[in-house]
């Protein structure tokens, strides 16, 4: 009988997902991602047809595995969305970080998929706080038996805001040339500002007006004051009062009765050795060094652990990449 790897492959209408976890866990992830796409469609109102190209996702057990695909990434990173000319993938740790009430694993992959969804259906040059804030806001979704809850406060974001010194909110809108603040606060504050905007239709309209004004090249502070009737110092006070009040709007949407079809297959034994290096190849990228020589960004960290065949595959991938930094 053919030997099988610990890796499984799930395929649904929108996704191809690889995981070395259990089959039930993989099926649940895949079905919820399909539902999550439907949720984003309802919340954003897009009528665009899904892309014929399915998004490839890797669910890994820890940051160590994640760094096999993207060597050099921080040990604190739990998920990544990577769009390259050679391929687009998402990678996420499939285990809760600090427990389900702190940072549920599903919110990590939902966060990364939100980036993919927004860039696909609403392409624009978004400010970084808007991009990350939207991903944080939607990824906190809670699936209940008969409904989907959107907008609940998340402990992983609220706790830093209540216990640590904030960055000036102005820094979200106008990032300093040399960041000196605690950038660990960037995600919590981006989430809070986005939550404030999404709570009220009038605020959402003002945010849309601000983004359009900024997109036309208007000066950021002036565009913000024009739309919201306050400067950034006043907005700092508004955000702190909003957090202290804790009176948030939770959107409840009915949950569909039918679940999408998911086909799960066992990968061959070679996947244990080749799957993650192959993912590294899928997003291969080179950038020139100071002398103009092309240098691979992604390298195999422990080539001695690979079989001769896998080394040859990795070498071919890295040797074939000729994409310079634009």
C-alpha atoms as a PDB file:
ATOM      1  CA  UNK A   1       0.000   0.000   0.000  1.00  0.00           C
ATOM      2  CA  UNK A   2       1.149   3.512  -0.773  1.00  0.00           C
ATOM      3  CA  UNK A   3       2.487   5.391   2.226  1.00  0.00           C
ATOM      4  CA  UNK A   4       0.736   8.627   3.171  1.00  0.00           C
ATOM      5  CA  UNK A   5       2.121  11.775   4.761  1.00  0.00           C
ATOM      6  CA  UNK A   6       0.727  13.438   7.833  1.00  0.00           C
ATOM      7  CA  UNK A   7      -0.450  16.194   5.459  1.00  0.00           C
ATOM      8  CA  UNK A   8      -4.005  16.383   4.149  1.00  0.00           C
ATOM      9  CA  UNK A   9      -5.386  18.422   1.253  1.00  0.00           C
ATOM     10  CA  UNK A  10      -8.861  19.963   1.266  1.00  0.00           C
ATOM     11  CA  UNK A  11     -10.445  21.410  -1.852  1.00  0.00           C
ATOM     12  CA  UNK A  12     -13.625  23.490  -1.944  1.00  0.00           C
ATOM     13  CA  UNK A  13     -15.112  25.927  -4.476  1.00  0.00           C
ATOM     14  CA  UNK A  14     -12.767  28.756  -3.413  1.00  0.00           C
ATOM     15  CA  UNK A  15      -9.810  27.142  -1.641  1.00  0.00           C
ATOM     16  CA  UNK A  16      -7.063  24.547  -1.709  1.00  0.00           C
ATOM     17  CA  UNK A  17      -5.913  24.029   1.873  1.00  0.00           C
ATOM     18  CA  UNK A  18      -3.073  21.880   3.217  1.00  0.00           C
ATOM     19  CA  UNK A  19      -2.866  20.899   6.881  1.00  0.00           C
ATOM     20  CA  UNK A  20      -1.016  18.388   9.030  1.00  0.00           C
ATOM     21  CA  UNK A  21      -3.833  18.456  11.612  1.00  0.00           C
ATOM     22  CA  UNK A  22      -6.878  16.224  11.861  1.00  0.00           C
ATOM     23  CA  UNK A  23      -9.332  15.659   9.030  1.00  0.00           C
ATOM     24  CA  UNK A  24     -12.264  17.012  11.054  1.00  0.00           C
ATOM     25  CA  UNK A  25     -10.332  20.161  11.917  1.00  0.00           C
ATOM     26  CA  UNK A  26      -9.370  20.726   8.269  1.00  0.00           C
ATOM     27  CA  UNK A  27     -12.933  20.222   7.051  1.00  0.00           C
ATOM     28  CA  UNK A  28     -14.252  22.686   9.649  1.00  0.00           C
ATOM     29  CA  UNK A  29     -11.644  25.297   8.673  1.00  0.00           C
ATOM     30  CA  UNK A  30     -12.472  24.942   4.982  1.00  0.00           C
ATOM     31  CA  UNK A  31     -16.244  25.163   5.417  1.00  0.00           C
ATOM     32  CA  UNK A  32     -15.948  28.193   7.675  1.00  0.00           C
ATOM     33  CA  UNK A  33     -13.648  29.937   5.206  1.00  0.00           C
ATOM     34  CA  UNK A  34     -16.285  29.429   2.525  1.00  0.00           C
ATOM     35  CA  UNK A  35     -18.885  30.885   4.889  1.00  0.00           C
ATOM     36  CA  UNK A  36     -16.537  33.726   5.765  1.00  0.00           C
ATOM     37  CA  UNK A  37     -16.213  34.640   2.087  1.00  0.00           C
ATOM     38  CA  UNK A  38     -20.019  34.785   1.920  1.00  0.00           C
ATOM     39  CA  UNK A  39     -20.064  37.008   5.012  1.00  0.00           C
ATOM     40  CA  UNK A  40     -17.587  39.456   3.451  1.00  0.00           C
ATOM     41  CA  UNK A  41     -19.690  39.538   0.299  1.00  0.00           C
ATOM     42  CA  UNK A  42     -22.797  40.415   2.283  1.00  0.00           C
ATOM     43  CA  UNK A  43     -21.030  43.033   4.394  1.00  0.00           C
ATOM     44  CA  UNK A  44     -19.292  44.735   1.444  1.00  0.00           C
ATOM     45  CA  UNK A  45     -22.033  44.298  -1.139  1.00  0.00           C
ATOM     46  CA  UNK A  46     -19.751  43.047  -3.878  1.00  0.00           C
ATOM     47  CA  UNK A  47     -21.452  41.359  -6.821  1.00  0.00           C
ATOM     48  CA  UNK A  48     -18.230  40.306  -8.526  1.00  0.00           C
ATOM     49  CA  UNK A  49     -17.890  36.641  -9.455  1.00  0.00           C
ATOM     50  CA  UNK A  50     -15.308  34.607  -7.530  1.00  0.00           C
ATOM     51  CA  UNK A  51     -11.921  34.218  -9.139  1.00  0.00           C
ATOM     52  CA  UNK A  52     -11.457  30.962 -11.064  1.00  0.00           C
ATOM     53  CA  UNK A  53      -8.084  30.657  -9.319  1.00  0.00           C
ATOM     54  CA  UNK A  54      -8.490  29.084  -5.900  1.00  0.00           C
ATOM     55  CA  UNK A  55      -6.462  30.523  -3.050  1.00  0.00           C
ATOM     56  CA  UNK A  56      -3.864  28.125  -1.681  1.00  0.00           C
ATOM     57  CA  UNK A  57      -3.570  28.067   2.108  1.00  0.00           C
ATOM     58  CA  UNK A  58      -1.159  26.249   4.413  1.00  0.00           C
ATOM     59  CA  UNK A  59      -2.296  25.574   7.970  1.00  0.00           C
ATOM     60  CA  UNK A  60       0.777  24.871  10.072  1.00  0.00           C
ATOM     61  CA  UNK A  61       1.118  23.842  13.692  1.00  0.00           C
ATOM     62  CA  UNK A  62       3.518  26.581  14.837  1.00  0.00           C
ATOM     63  CA  UNK A  63       5.711  29.519  13.879  1.00  0.00           C
ATOM     64  CA  UNK A  64       8.644  27.177  13.248  1.00  0.00           C
ATOM     65  CA  UNK A  65       6.771  25.564  10.362  1.00  0.00           C
ATOM     66  CA  UNK A  66       5.685  28.971   9.112  1.00  0.00           C
ATOM     67  CA  UNK A  67       9.331  30.016   8.938  1.00  0.00           C
ATOM     68  CA  UNK A  68      10.109  26.984   6.781  1.00  0.00           C
ATOM     69  CA  UNK A  69       8.096  28.759   4.103  1.00  0.00           C
ATOM     70  CA  UNK A  70       9.318  32.276   4.899  1.00  0.00           C
ATOM     71  CA  UNK A  71      12.743  32.070   6.580  1.00  0.00           C
ATOM     72  CA  UNK A  72      13.685  35.218   8.426  1.00  0.00           C
ATOM     73  CA  UNK A  73      10.160  36.203   9.452  1.00  0.00           C
ATOM     74  CA  UNK A  74       9.672  37.155  13.090  1.00  0.00           C
ATOM     75  CA  UNK A  75       9.074  34.390  15.639  1.00  0.00           C
ATOM     76  CA  UNK A  76       5.988  36.304  16.783  1.00  0.00           C
ATOM     77  CA  UNK A  77       4.226  36.075  13.419  1.00  0.00           C
ATOM     78  CA  UNK A  78       1.208  33.741  13.385  1.00  0.00           C
ATOM     79  CA  UNK A  79      -0.008  34.287   9.832  1.00  0.00           C
ATOM     80  CA  UNK A  80       1.007  35.772   6.480  1.00  0.00           C
ATOM     81  CA  UNK A  81      -0.621  36.664   3.178  1.00  0.00           C
ATOM     82  CA  UNK A  82       1.890  36.698   0.335  1.00  0.00           C
ATOM     83  CA  UNK A  83       1.051  37.848  -3.198  1.00  0.00           C
ATOM     84  CA  UNK A  84       3.821  37.344  -5.740  1.00  0.00           C
ATOM     85  CA  UNK A  85       3.970  37.268  -9.520  1.00  0.00           C
ATOM     86  CA  UNK A  86       4.904  33.612  -9.133  1.00  0.00           C
ATOM     87  CA  UNK A  87       1.993  32.750  -6.835  1.00  0.00           C
ATOM     88  CA  UNK A  88      -0.306  33.872  -4.024  1.00  0.00           C
ATOM     89  CA  UNK A  89      -0.622  31.946  -0.777  1.00  0.00           C
ATOM     90  CA  UNK A  90      -1.719  32.392   2.816  1.00  0.00           C
ATOM     91  CA  UNK A  91      -0.083  30.679   5.786  1.00  0.00           C
ATOM     92  CA  UNK A  92      -1.489  30.548   9.304  1.00  0.00           C
ATOM     93  CA  UNK A  93      -0.893  28.722  12.559  1.00  0.00           C
ATOM     94  CA  UNK A  94      -3.892  26.452  13.142  1.00  0.00           C
ATOM     95  CA  UNK A  95      -3.773  26.521  16.955  1.00  0.00           C
ATOM     96  CA  UNK A  96      -5.284  29.120  19.263  1.00  0.00           C
ATOM     97  CA  UNK A  97      -2.829  31.679  20.617  1.00  0.00           C
ATOM     98  CA  UNK A  98      -3.418  32.053  24.341  1.00  0.00           C
ATOM     99  CA  UNK A  99      -6.743  30.192  24.157  1.00  0.00           C
ATOM    100  CA  UNK A 100     -10.001  30.697  22.252  1.00  0.00           C
ATOM    101  CA  UNK A 101     -10.952  33.738  24.312  1.00  0.00           C
ATOM    102  CA  UNK A 102      -7.652  35.462  23.546  1.00  0.00           C
ATOM    103  CA  UNK A 103      -6.755  34.936  19.877  1.00  0.00           C
ATOM    104  CA  UNK A 104      -8.670  32.067  18.227  1.00  0.00           C
ATOM    105  CA  UNK A 105      -6.794  30.270  15.475  1.00  0.00           C
ATOM    106  CA  UNK A 106      -9.606  30.851  12.999  1.00  0.00           C
ATOM    107  CA  UNK A 107      -9.234  34.620  13.376  1.00  0.00           C
ATOM    108  CA  UNK A 108      -5.637  34.359  12.144  1.00  0.00           C
ATOM    109  CA  UNK A 109      -6.565  32.748   8.824  1.00  0.00           C
ATOM    110  CA  UNK A 110      -9.664  34.953   8.522  1.00  0.00           C
ATOM    111  CA  UNK A 111      -7.392  37.989   8.926  1.00  0.00           C
ATOM    112  CA  UNK A 112      -5.159  36.834   6.072  1.00  0.00           C
ATOM    113  CA  UNK A 113      -8.103  35.979   3.822  1.00  0.00           C
ATOM    114  CA  UNK A 114      -9.612  39.436   4.391  1.00  0.00           C
ATOM    115  CA  UNK A 115      -6.495  40.931   2.782  1.00  0.00           C
ATOM    116  CA  UNK A 116      -6.933  38.636  -0.210  1.00  0.00           C
ATOM    117  CA  UNK A 117     -10.638  39.474  -0.510  1.00  0.00           C
ATOM    118  CA  UNK A 118     -10.176  43.254  -0.276  1.00  0.00           C
ATOM    119  CA  UNK A 119      -7.267  43.381  -2.729  1.00  0.00           C
ATOM    120  CA  UNK A 120      -9.187  41.193  -5.166  1.00  0.00           C
ATOM    121  CA  UNK A 121     -12.561  42.956  -5.165  1.00  0.00           C
ATOM    122  CA  UNK A 122     -11.691  46.456  -3.942  1.00  0.00           C
ATOM    123  CA  UNK A 123      -8.151  47.157  -5.210  1.00  0.00           C
ATOM    124  CA  UNK A 124      -6.747  50.474  -4.012  1.00  0.00           C
ATOM    125  CA  UNK A 125      -3.726  51.936  -2.272  1.00  0.00           C
ATOM    126  CA  UNK A 126      -5.081  51.687   1.283  1.00  0.00           C
ATOM    127  CA  UNK A 127      -3.334  53.248   4.279  1.00  0.00           C
ATOM    128  CA  UNK A 128      -1.759  50.479   6.320  1.00  0.00           C
ATOM    129  CA  UNK A 129      -3.984  51.071   9.360  1.00  0.00           C
ATOM    130  CA  UNK A 130      -7.099  50.693   7.192  1.00  0.00           C
ATOM    131  CA  UNK A 131      -5.893  47.461   5.615  1.00  0.00           C
ATOM    132  CA  UNK A 132      -4.916  45.875   8.928  1.00  0.00           C
ATOM    133  CA  UNK A 133      -7.824  47.388  10.841  1.00  0.00           C
ATOM    134  CA  UNK A 134     -10.389  45.919   8.438  1.00  0.00           C
ATOM    135  CA  UNK A 135      -8.711  42.521   8.603  1.00  0.00           C
ATOM    136  CA  UNK A 136      -8.773  42.685  12.403  1.00  0.00           C
ATOM    137  CA  UNK A 137     -12.377  43.854  12.559  1.00  0.00           C
ATOM    138  CA  UNK A 138     -13.852  41.146  10.332  1.00  0.00           C
ATOM    139  CA  UNK A 139     -11.591  38.332  11.535  1.00  0.00           C
ATOM    140  CA  UNK A 140     -13.135  38.521  15.017  1.00  0.00           C
ATOM    141  CA  UNK A 141     -16.327  36.986  13.615  1.00  0.00           C
ATOM    142  CA  UNK A 142     -18.084  34.412  15.805  1.00  0.00           C
ATOM    143  CA  UNK A 143     -19.989  31.522  14.215  1.00  0.00           C
ATOM    144  CA  UNK A 144     -23.006  30.509  16.282  1.00  0.00           C
ATOM    145  CA  UNK A 145     -25.368  27.622  15.399  1.00  0.00           C
ATOM    146  CA  UNK A 146     -27.933  29.886  13.705  1.00  0.00           C
ATOM    147  CA  UNK A 147     -26.172  33.219  13.283  1.00  0.00           C
ATOM    148  CA  UNK A 148     -22.861  34.942  12.599  1.00  0.00           C
ATOM    149  CA  UNK A 149     -21.775  37.725  14.954  1.00  0.00           C
ATOM    150  CA  UNK A 150     -19.576  40.528  13.634  1.00  0.00           C
ATOM    151  CA  UNK A 151     -18.097  43.317  15.746  1.00  0.00           C
ATOM    152  CA  UNK A 152     -17.466  41.705  19.139  1.00  0.00           C
ATOM    153  CA  UNK A 153     -14.564  43.100  21.155  1.00  0.00           C
ATOM    154  CA  UNK A 154     -11.499  40.860  21.170  1.00  0.00           C
ATOM    155  CA  UNK A 155      -9.446  40.367  24.317  1.00  0.00           C
ATOM    156  CA  UNK A 156      -6.159  40.216  22.411  1.00  0.00           C
ATOM    157  CA  UNK A 157      -6.815  43.752  21.158  1.00  0.00           C
ATOM    158  CA  UNK A 158      -8.590  45.278  24.162  1.00  0.00           C
ATOM    159  CA  UNK A 159      -6.027  44.199  26.772  1.00  0.00           C
ATOM    160  CA  UNK A 160      -3.046  46.141  25.317  1.00  0.00           C
ATOM    161  CA  UNK A 161      -5.231  49.214  24.889  1.00  0.00           C
ATOM    162  CA  UNK A 162      -6.162  49.100  28.579  1.00  0.00           C
ATOM    163  CA  UNK A 163      -2.728  48.286  29.971  1.00  0.00           C
ATOM    164  CA  UNK A 164      -0.120  49.931  27.734  1.00  0.00           C
ATOM    165  CA  UNK A 165       0.742  53.398  26.529  1.00  0.00           C
ATOM    166  CA  UNK A 166      -0.899  54.259  23.221  1.00  0.00           C
ATOM    167  CA  UNK A 167       0.764  55.514  20.105  1.00  0.00           C
ATOM    168  CA  UNK A 168      -0.631  58.906  19.136  1.00  0.00           C
ATOM    169  CA  UNK A 169      -3.530  58.086  16.814  1.00  0.00           C
ATOM    170  CA  UNK A 170      -1.995  60.555  14.377  1.00  0.00           C
ATOM    171  CA  UNK A 171       0.820  58.021  13.866  1.00  0.00           C
ATOM    172  CA  UNK A 172      -1.679  55.629  12.281  1.00  0.00           C
ATOM    173  CA  UNK A 173      -2.696  58.204   9.701  1.00  0.00           C
ATOM    174  CA  UNK A 174       0.710  59.833   9.215  1.00  0.00           C
ATOM    175  CA  UNK A 175       3.419  57.261  10.072  1.00  0.00           C
ATOM    176  CA  UNK A 176       6.621  58.933  11.295  1.00  0.00           C
ATOM    177  CA  UNK A 177       9.592  58.592   9.013  1.00  0.00           C
ATOM    178  CA  UNK A 178      11.425  56.760  11.804  1.00  0.00           C
ATOM    179  CA  UNK A 179       8.969  54.937  14.065  1.00  0.00           C
ATOM    180  CA  UNK A 180       9.987  55.307  17.701  1.00  0.00           C
ATOM    181  CA  UNK A 181       6.774  54.269  19.399  1.00  0.00           C
ATOM    182  CA  UNK A 182       5.588  50.870  20.516  1.00  0.00           C
ATOM    183  CA  UNK A 183       4.533  49.349  17.200  1.00  0.00           C
ATOM    184  CA  UNK A 184       3.032  46.449  19.114  1.00  0.00           C
ATOM    185  CA  UNK A 185       0.140  48.864  19.622  1.00  0.00           C
ATOM    186  CA  UNK A 186      -0.392  49.415  15.914  1.00  0.00           C
ATOM    187  CA  UNK A 187      -2.770  46.466  15.434  1.00  0.00           C
ATOM    188  CA  UNK A 188      -4.900  47.107  18.548  1.00  0.00           C
ATOM    189  CA  UNK A 189      -5.281  50.796  17.722  1.00  0.00           C
ATOM    190  CA  UNK A 190      -5.983  50.125  14.025  1.00  0.00           C
ATOM    191  CA  UNK A 191      -8.626  47.616  15.114  1.00  0.00           C
ATOM    192  CA  UNK A 192     -10.223  50.097  17.537  1.00  0.00           C
ATOM    193  CA  UNK A 193     -10.362  52.950  15.013  1.00  0.00           C
ATOM    194  CA  UNK A 194     -11.864  50.646  12.391  1.00  0.00           C
ATOM    195  CA  UNK A 195     -14.394  49.352  14.940  1.00  0.00           C
ATOM    196  CA  UNK A 196     -15.419  52.934  15.722  1.00  0.00           C
ATOM    197  CA  UNK A 197     -15.901  53.674  12.024  1.00  0.00           C
ATOM    198  CA  UNK A 198     -17.864  50.492  11.328  1.00  0.00           C
ATOM    199  CA  UNK A 199     -20.223  50.995  14.287  1.00  0.00           C
ATOM    200  CA  UNK A 200     -22.104  53.825  12.624  1.00  0.00           C
ATOM    201  CA  UNK A 201     -23.171  54.390   8.971  1.00  0.00           C
ATOM    202  CA  UNK A 202     -22.406  58.122   9.199  1.00  0.00           C
ATOM    203  CA  UNK A 203     -18.865  57.411  10.350  1.00  0.00           C
ATOM    204  CA  UNK A 204     -18.400  54.866   7.572  1.00  0.00           C
ATOM    205  CA  UNK A 205     -19.455  57.514   5.055  1.00  0.00           C
ATOM    206  CA  UNK A 206     -16.962  59.984   6.529  1.00  0.00           C
ATOM    207  CA  UNK A 207     -14.212  57.373   6.390  1.00  0.00           C
ATOM    208  CA  UNK A 208     -15.027  56.763   2.736  1.00  0.00           C
ATOM    209  CA  UNK A 209     -14.847  60.499   2.082  1.00  0.00           C
ATOM    210  CA  UNK A 210     -11.525  60.755   3.887  1.00  0.00           C
ATOM    211  CA  UNK A 211      -9.997  57.873   1.912  1.00  0.00           C
ATOM    212  CA  UNK A 212     -11.169  59.382  -1.379  1.00  0.00           C
ATOM    213  CA  UNK A 213      -9.747  62.770  -0.428  1.00  0.00           C
ATOM    214  CA  UNK A 214      -6.429  61.223   0.576  1.00  0.00           C
ATOM    215  CA  UNK A 215      -6.449  59.245  -2.671  1.00  0.00           C
ATOM    216  CA  UNK A 216      -6.783  62.507  -4.606  1.00  0.00           C
ATOM    217  CA  UNK A 217      -3.622  63.711  -2.907  1.00  0.00           C
ATOM    218  CA  UNK A 218      -5.121  66.000  -0.271  1.00  0.00           C
ATOM    219  CA  UNK A 219      -2.994  66.581   2.818  1.00  0.00           C
ATOM    220  CA  UNK A 220      -3.876  63.885   5.372  1.00  0.00           C
ATOM    221  CA  UNK A 221      -4.505  66.037   8.459  1.00  0.00           C
ATOM    222  CA  UNK A 222      -6.584  68.556   6.521  1.00  0.00           C
ATOM    223  CA  UNK A 223      -8.651  65.812   4.869  1.00  0.00           C
ATOM    224  CA  UNK A 224      -9.302  64.203   8.276  1.00  0.00           C
ATOM    225  CA  UNK A 225     -10.403  67.486   9.883  1.00  0.00           C
ATOM    226  CA  UNK A 226     -12.623  68.282   6.905  1.00  0.00           C
ATOM    227  CA  UNK A 227     -14.438  64.942   7.150  1.00  0.00           C
ATOM    228  CA  UNK A 228     -14.610  64.411  10.913  1.00  0.00           C
ATOM    229  CA  UNK A 229     -14.657  67.970  12.249  1.00  0.00           C
ATOM    230  CA  UNK A 230     -11.796  67.413  14.687  1.00  0.00           C
ATOM    231  CA  UNK A 231      -8.014  67.184  14.695  1.00  0.00           C
ATOM    232  CA  UNK A 232      -5.982  64.117  15.656  1.00  0.00           C
ATOM    233  CA  UNK A 233      -5.507  65.254  19.263  1.00  0.00           C
ATOM    234  CA  UNK A 234      -9.281  65.407  19.714  1.00  0.00           C
ATOM    235  CA  UNK A 235      -9.664  62.074  17.958  1.00  0.00           C
ATOM    236  CA  UNK A 236      -7.282  60.522  20.502  1.00  0.00           C
ATOM    237  CA  UNK A 237      -9.733  61.527  23.248  1.00  0.00           C
ATOM    238  CA  UNK A 238     -12.689  60.179  21.275  1.00  0.00           C
ATOM    239  CA  UNK A 239     -10.998  56.795  20.874  1.00  0.00           C
ATOM    240  CA  UNK A 240     -10.174  56.488  24.560  1.00  0.00           C
ATOM    241  CA  UNK A 241     -13.760  57.400  25.495  1.00  0.00           C
ATOM    242  CA  UNK A 242     -15.104  54.894  22.960  1.00  0.00           C
ATOM    243  CA  UNK A 243     -12.989  52.110  24.468  1.00  0.00           C
ATOM    244  CA  UNK A 244     -13.956  53.044  28.027  1.00  0.00           C
ATOM    245  CA  UNK A 245     -17.661  53.056  27.177  1.00  0.00           C
ATOM    246  CA  UNK A 246     -17.466  49.616  25.576  1.00  0.00           C
ATOM    247  CA  UNK A 247     -20.893  50.067  23.974  1.00  0.00           C
ATOM    248  CA  UNK A 248     -20.349  48.375  20.618  1.00  0.00           C
ATOM    249  CA  UNK A 249     -22.596  47.456  17.739  1.00  0.00           C
ATOM    250  CA  UNK A 250     -22.701  43.731  16.972  1.00  0.00           C
ATOM    251  CA  UNK A 251     -24.030  42.775  13.561  1.00  0.00           C
ATOM    252  CA  UNK A 252     -25.989  39.504  13.537  1.00  0.00           C
ATOM    253  CA  UNK A 253     -26.395  37.763  10.209  1.00  0.00           C
ATOM    254  CA  UNK A 254     -28.302  34.505   9.636  1.00  0.00           C
ATOM    255  CA  UNK A 255     -26.132  31.476   9.049  1.00  0.00           C
ATOM    256  CA  UNK A 256     -26.801  29.381   5.951  1.00  0.00           C
ATOM    257  CA  UNK A 257     -28.302  25.934   6.373  1.00  0.00           C
ATOM    258  CA  UNK A 258     -26.199  24.235   3.688  1.00  0.00           C
ATOM    259  CA  UNK A 259     -22.469  23.736   3.959  1.00  0.00           C
ATOM    260  CA  UNK A 260     -20.161  23.747   0.926  1.00  0.00           C
ATOM    261  CA  UNK A 261     -18.751  20.521  -0.431  1.00  0.00           C
ATOM    262  CA  UNK A 262     -15.218  19.769   0.729  1.00  0.00           C
ATOM    263  CA  UNK A 263     -13.087  16.990  -0.746  1.00  0.00           C
ATOM    264  CA  UNK A 264     -10.242  15.794   1.491  1.00  0.00           C
ATOM    265  CA  UNK A 265      -7.392  13.599   0.300  1.00  0.00           C
ATOM    266  CA  UNK A 266      -4.248  12.281   1.969  1.00  0.00           C
ATOM    267  CA  UNK A 267      -0.986  13.545   0.537  1.00  0.00           C
ATOM    268  CA  UNK A 268       1.792  11.093  -0.419  1.00  0.00           C
ATOM    269  CA  UNK A 269       4.593  10.485   2.069  1.00  0.00           C
ATOM    270  CA  UNK A 270       6.911  12.788   0.125  1.00  0.00           C
ATOM    271  CA  UNK A 271       4.804  15.759   1.252  1.00  0.00           C
ATOM    272  CA  UNK A 272       6.373  15.512   4.713  1.00  0.00           C
ATOM    273  CA  UNK A 273       9.650  16.532   3.091  1.00  0.00           C
ATOM    274  CA  UNK A 274       8.610  18.545   0.060  1.00  0.00           C
ATOM    275  CA  UNK A 275       5.359  20.379   0.783  1.00  0.00           C
ATOM    276  CA  UNK A 276       6.678  23.376   2.730  1.00  0.00           C
ATOM    277  CA  UNK A 277       9.829  23.814   0.599  1.00  0.00           C
ATOM    278  CA  UNK A 278       7.549  23.738  -2.437  1.00  0.00           C
ATOM    279  CA  UNK A 279       5.440  26.488  -0.858  1.00  0.00           C
ATOM    280  CA  UNK A 280       8.634  28.481  -0.439  1.00  0.00           C
ATOM    281  CA  UNK A 281       9.275  27.994  -4.147  1.00  0.00           C
ATOM    282  CA  UNK A 282       5.744  29.171  -4.998  1.00  0.00           C
ATOM    283  CA  UNK A 283       6.523  32.605  -3.570  1.00  0.00           C
ATOM    284  CA  UNK A 284      10.187  32.686  -4.585  1.00  0.00           C
ATOM    285  CA  UNK A 285      11.501  36.188  -4.922  1.00  0.00           C
ATOM    286  CA  UNK A 286      14.872  37.750  -5.492  1.00  0.00           C
ATOM    287  CA  UNK A 287      16.016  41.260  -4.848  1.00  0.00           C
ATOM    288  CA  UNK A 288      19.305  42.911  -5.833  1.00  0.00           C
ATOM    289  CA  UNK A 289      21.976  43.538  -3.232  1.00  0.00           C
ATOM    290  CA  UNK A 290      23.886  46.830  -3.087  1.00  0.00           C
ATOM    291  CA  UNK A 291      26.142  45.683  -5.912  1.00  0.00           C
ATOM    292  CA  UNK A 292      23.130  44.891  -8.079  1.00  0.00           C
ATOM    293  CA  UNK A 293      23.527  41.112  -7.773  1.00  0.00           C
ATOM    294  CA  UNK A 294      20.303  39.150  -7.407  1.00  0.00           C
ATOM    295  CA  UNK A 295      20.059  37.470  -4.035  1.00  0.00           C
ATOM    296  CA  UNK A 296      17.347  34.936  -3.106  1.00  0.00           C
ATOM    297  CA  UNK A 297      15.314  36.191  -0.172  1.00  0.00           C
ATOM    298  CA  UNK A 298      13.951  32.760   0.724  1.00  0.00           C
ATOM    299  CA  UNK A 299      16.471  30.014   1.404  1.00  0.00           C
ATOM    300  CA  UNK A 300      16.226  26.518   2.835  1.00  0.00           C
ATOM    301  CA  UNK A 301      17.210  26.820   6.492  1.00  0.00           C
ATOM    302  CA  UNK A 302      18.265  23.207   7.041  1.00  0.00           C
ATOM    303  CA  UNK A 303      19.089  21.627   3.659  1.00  0.00           C
ATOM    304  CA  UNK A 304      20.742  18.681   5.390  1.00  0.00           C
ATOM    305  CA  UNK A 305      17.285  17.601   6.562  1.00  0.00           C
ATOM    306  CA  UNK A 306      16.050  17.226   3.021  1.00  0.00           C
ATOM    307  CA  UNK A 307      16.507  14.244   0.760  1.00  0.00           C
ATOM    308  CA  UNK A 308      18.645  14.679  -2.340  1.00  0.00           C
ATOM    309  CA  UNK A 309      15.491  15.030  -4.419  1.00  0.00           C
ATOM    310  CA  UNK A 310      14.079  17.799  -2.254  1.00  0.00           C
ATOM    311  CA  UNK A 311      17.394  19.663  -2.332  1.00  0.00           C
ATOM    312  CA  UNK A 312      17.348  19.537  -6.112  1.00  0.00           C
ATOM    313  CA  UNK A 313      13.791  20.868  -6.194  1.00  0.00           C
ATOM    314  CA  UNK A 314      14.681  23.722  -3.851  1.00  0.00           C
ATOM    315  CA  UNK A 315      17.825  24.569  -5.792  1.00  0.00           C
ATOM    316  CA  UNK A 316      15.917  24.651  -9.068  1.00  0.00           C
ATOM    317  CA  UNK A 317      13.298  26.955  -7.598  1.00  0.00           C
ATOM    318  CA  UNK A 318      15.797  29.369  -6.096  1.00  0.00           C
ATOM    319  CA  UNK A 319      17.962  29.280  -9.178  1.00  0.00           C
ATOM    320  CA  UNK A 320      15.040  30.069 -11.488  1.00  0.00           C
ATOM    321  CA  UNK A 321      13.817  33.168  -9.677  1.00  0.00           C
ATOM    322  CA  UNK A 322      14.695  36.436 -11.392  1.00  0.00           C
ATOM    323  CA  UNK A 323      12.231  38.935  -9.987  1.00  0.00           C
ATOM    324  CA  UNK A 324      13.827  42.215  -8.953  1.00  0.00           C
ATOM    325  CA  UNK A 325      12.468  44.615  -6.370  1.00  0.00           C
ATOM    326  CA  UNK A 326      10.388  47.316  -8.042  1.00  0.00           C
END
